[in-house]
Amino acid sequence: MKNQLIDLNNHLFAAIERLSDEDMSGDELKKEISRSKALSALSKDVIANARLALDAKLAIGVHLKQGELPTMIESPKA
């Protein structure tokens, strides 16, 4: 799998850093705010999807052991 939830976390923090740039203003700032809102909305969908996958496994009575999380939730392999 190419992207992991940790990648989403990194993208969100990068967006926060861009929004914190005090030298940004005007149209550039408006563009970044719009991009951040879109990223936030998509992030909520990704997280909801991961939660659904986990809830589905738990609902069917799967007792999860380490390494048995739904693929999108697993930590990247080192």
C-alpha atoms as a PDB file:
ATOM      1  CA  MET A   1       0.000   0.000   0.000  1.00  0.00           C
ATOM      2  CA  LYS A   2       1.463   3.342  -1.031  1.00  0.00           C
ATOM      3  CA  ASN A   3      -0.036   5.660   1.606  1.00  0.00           C
ATOM      4  CA  GLN A   4      -0.481   5.052   5.304  1.00  0.00           C
ATOM      5  CA  LEU A   5      -2.353   7.023   7.942  1.00  0.00           C
ATOM      6  CA  ILE A   6       0.982   8.354   9.160  1.00  0.00           C
ATOM      7  CA  ASP A   7       1.357   9.992   5.734  1.00  0.00           C
ATOM      8  CA  LEU A   8      -1.979  11.715   6.241  1.00  0.00           C
ATOM      9  CA  ASN A   9      -0.778  12.940   9.621  1.00  0.00           C
ATOM     10  CA  ASN A  10       2.362  14.337   8.002  1.00  0.00           C
ATOM     11  CA  HIS A  11       0.321  16.117   5.300  1.00  0.00           C
ATOM     12  CA  LEU A  12      -1.918  17.689   7.940  1.00  0.00           C
ATOM     13  CA  PHE A  13       1.047  19.000   9.901  1.00  0.00           C
ATOM     14  CA  ALA A  14       2.624  20.326   6.701  1.00  0.00           C
ATOM     15  CA  ALA A  15      -0.624  22.212   5.990  1.00  0.00           C
ATOM     16  CA  ILE A  16      -0.494  23.705   9.480  1.00  0.00           C
ATOM     17  CA  GLU A  17       3.081  24.811   8.895  1.00  0.00           C
ATOM     18  CA  ARG A  18       2.134  26.464   5.584  1.00  0.00           C
ATOM     19  CA  LEU A  19      -0.764  28.277   7.245  1.00  0.00           C
ATOM     20  CA  SER A  20       1.609  29.474   9.970  1.00  0.00           C
ATOM     21  CA  ASP A  21       3.810  31.279   7.435  1.00  0.00           C
ATOM     22  CA  GLU A  22       3.500  34.905   8.507  1.00  0.00           C
ATOM     23  CA  ASP A  23       4.944  36.092   5.186  1.00  0.00           C
ATOM     24  CA  MET A  24       1.996  34.637   3.268  1.00  0.00           C
ATOM     25  CA  SER A  25      -0.874  36.979   2.539  1.00  0.00           C
ATOM     26  CA  GLY A  26      -3.511  37.957   0.001  1.00  0.00           C
ATOM     27  CA  ASP A  27      -4.367  35.517  -2.764  1.00  0.00           C
ATOM     28  CA  GLU A  28      -1.616  33.125  -1.737  1.00  0.00           C
ATOM     29  CA  LEU A  29      -3.076  32.848   1.777  1.00  0.00           C
ATOM     30  CA  LYS A  30      -6.617  32.433   0.427  1.00  0.00           C
ATOM     31  CA  LYS A  31      -5.410  29.644  -1.853  1.00  0.00           C
ATOM     32  CA  GLU A  32      -3.671  27.889   1.046  1.00  0.00           C
ATOM     33  CA  ILE A  33      -6.759  28.199   3.257  1.00  0.00           C
ATOM     34  CA  SER A  34      -8.897  26.678   0.508  1.00  0.00           C
ATOM     35  CA  ARG A  35      -6.407  23.841   0.026  1.00  0.00           C
ATOM     36  CA  SER A  36      -6.316  23.209   3.781  1.00  0.00           C
ATOM     37  CA  LYS A  37     -10.113  23.035   3.973  1.00  0.00           C
ATOM     38  CA  ALA A  38     -10.160  20.463   1.167  1.00  0.00           C
ATOM     39  CA  LEU A  39      -7.410  18.448   2.859  1.00  0.00           C
ATOM     40  CA  SER A  40      -9.311  18.515   6.135  1.00  0.00           C
ATOM     41  CA  ALA A  41     -12.525  17.299   4.506  1.00  0.00           C
ATOM     42  CA  LEU A  42     -10.758  14.472   2.686  1.00  0.00           C
ATOM     43  CA  SER A  43      -8.870  13.526   5.845  1.00  0.00           C
ATOM     44  CA  LYS A  44     -12.122  13.059   7.717  1.00  0.00           C
ATOM     45  CA  ASP A  45     -13.303  10.653   4.994  1.00  0.00           C
ATOM     46  CA  VAL A  46     -10.050   8.663   5.112  1.00  0.00           C
ATOM     47  CA  ILE A  47     -10.227   8.403   8.903  1.00  0.00           C
ATOM     48  CA  ALA A  48     -13.909   7.398   8.798  1.00  0.00           C
ATOM     49  CA  ASN A  49     -13.061   4.685   6.265  1.00  0.00           C
ATOM     50  CA  ALA A  50     -10.274   3.323   8.472  1.00  0.00           C
ATOM     51  CA  ARG A  51     -12.615   3.388  11.475  1.00  0.00           C
ATOM     52  CA  LEU A  52     -15.260   1.490   9.494  1.00  0.00           C
ATOM     53  CA  ALA A  53     -12.738  -1.203   8.547  1.00  0.00           C
ATOM     54  CA  LEU A  54     -11.703  -1.601  12.185  1.00  0.00           C
ATOM     55  CA  ASP A  55     -15.305  -1.603  13.438  1.00  0.00           C
ATOM     56  CA  ALA A  56     -16.240  -4.253  10.854  1.00  0.00           C
ATOM     57  CA  LYS A  57     -13.484  -6.575  12.056  1.00  0.00           C
ATOM     58  CA  LEU A  58     -14.518  -6.044  15.674  1.00  0.00           C
ATOM     59  CA  ALA A  59     -18.213  -6.521  14.847  1.00  0.00           C
ATOM     60  CA  ILE A  60     -17.640  -9.990  13.414  1.00  0.00           C
ATOM     61  CA  GLY A  61     -15.856 -10.976  16.587  1.00  0.00           C
ATOM     62  CA  VAL A  62     -12.318 -10.970  15.315  1.00  0.00           C
ATOM     63  CA  HIS A  63      -9.959 -10.723  18.245  1.00  0.00           C
ATOM     64  CA  LEU A  64      -7.211  -8.601  16.836  1.00  0.00           C
ATOM     65  CA  LYS A  65      -3.633  -9.368  17.656  1.00  0.00           C
ATOM     66  CA  GLN A  66      -0.682  -7.192  16.825  1.00  0.00           C
ATOM     67  CA  GLY A  67      -0.206  -7.220  13.057  1.00  0.00           C
ATOM     68  CA  GLU A  68      -3.856  -8.053  12.342  1.00  0.00           C
ATOM     69  CA  LEU A  69      -5.235  -4.552  11.984  1.00  0.00           C
ATOM     70  CA  PRO A  70      -6.949  -3.608   8.743  1.00  0.00           C
ATOM     71  CA  THR A  71      -4.285  -2.796   6.157  1.00  0.00           C
ATOM     72  CA  MET A  72      -4.985   0.945   6.150  1.00  0.00           C
ATOM     73  CA  ILE A  73      -4.493   1.139   9.914  1.00  0.00           C
ATOM     74  CA  GLU A  74      -1.314  -0.907  10.221  1.00  0.00           C
ATOM     75  CA  SER A  75       1.946   0.844  10.944  1.00  0.00           C
ATOM     76  CA  PRO A  76       4.363   0.925   8.046  1.00  0.00           C
ATOM     77  CA  LYS A  77       6.830  -1.925   8.162  1.00  0.00           C
ATOM     78  CA  ALA A  78      10.341  -0.815   9.031  1.00  0.00           C
END
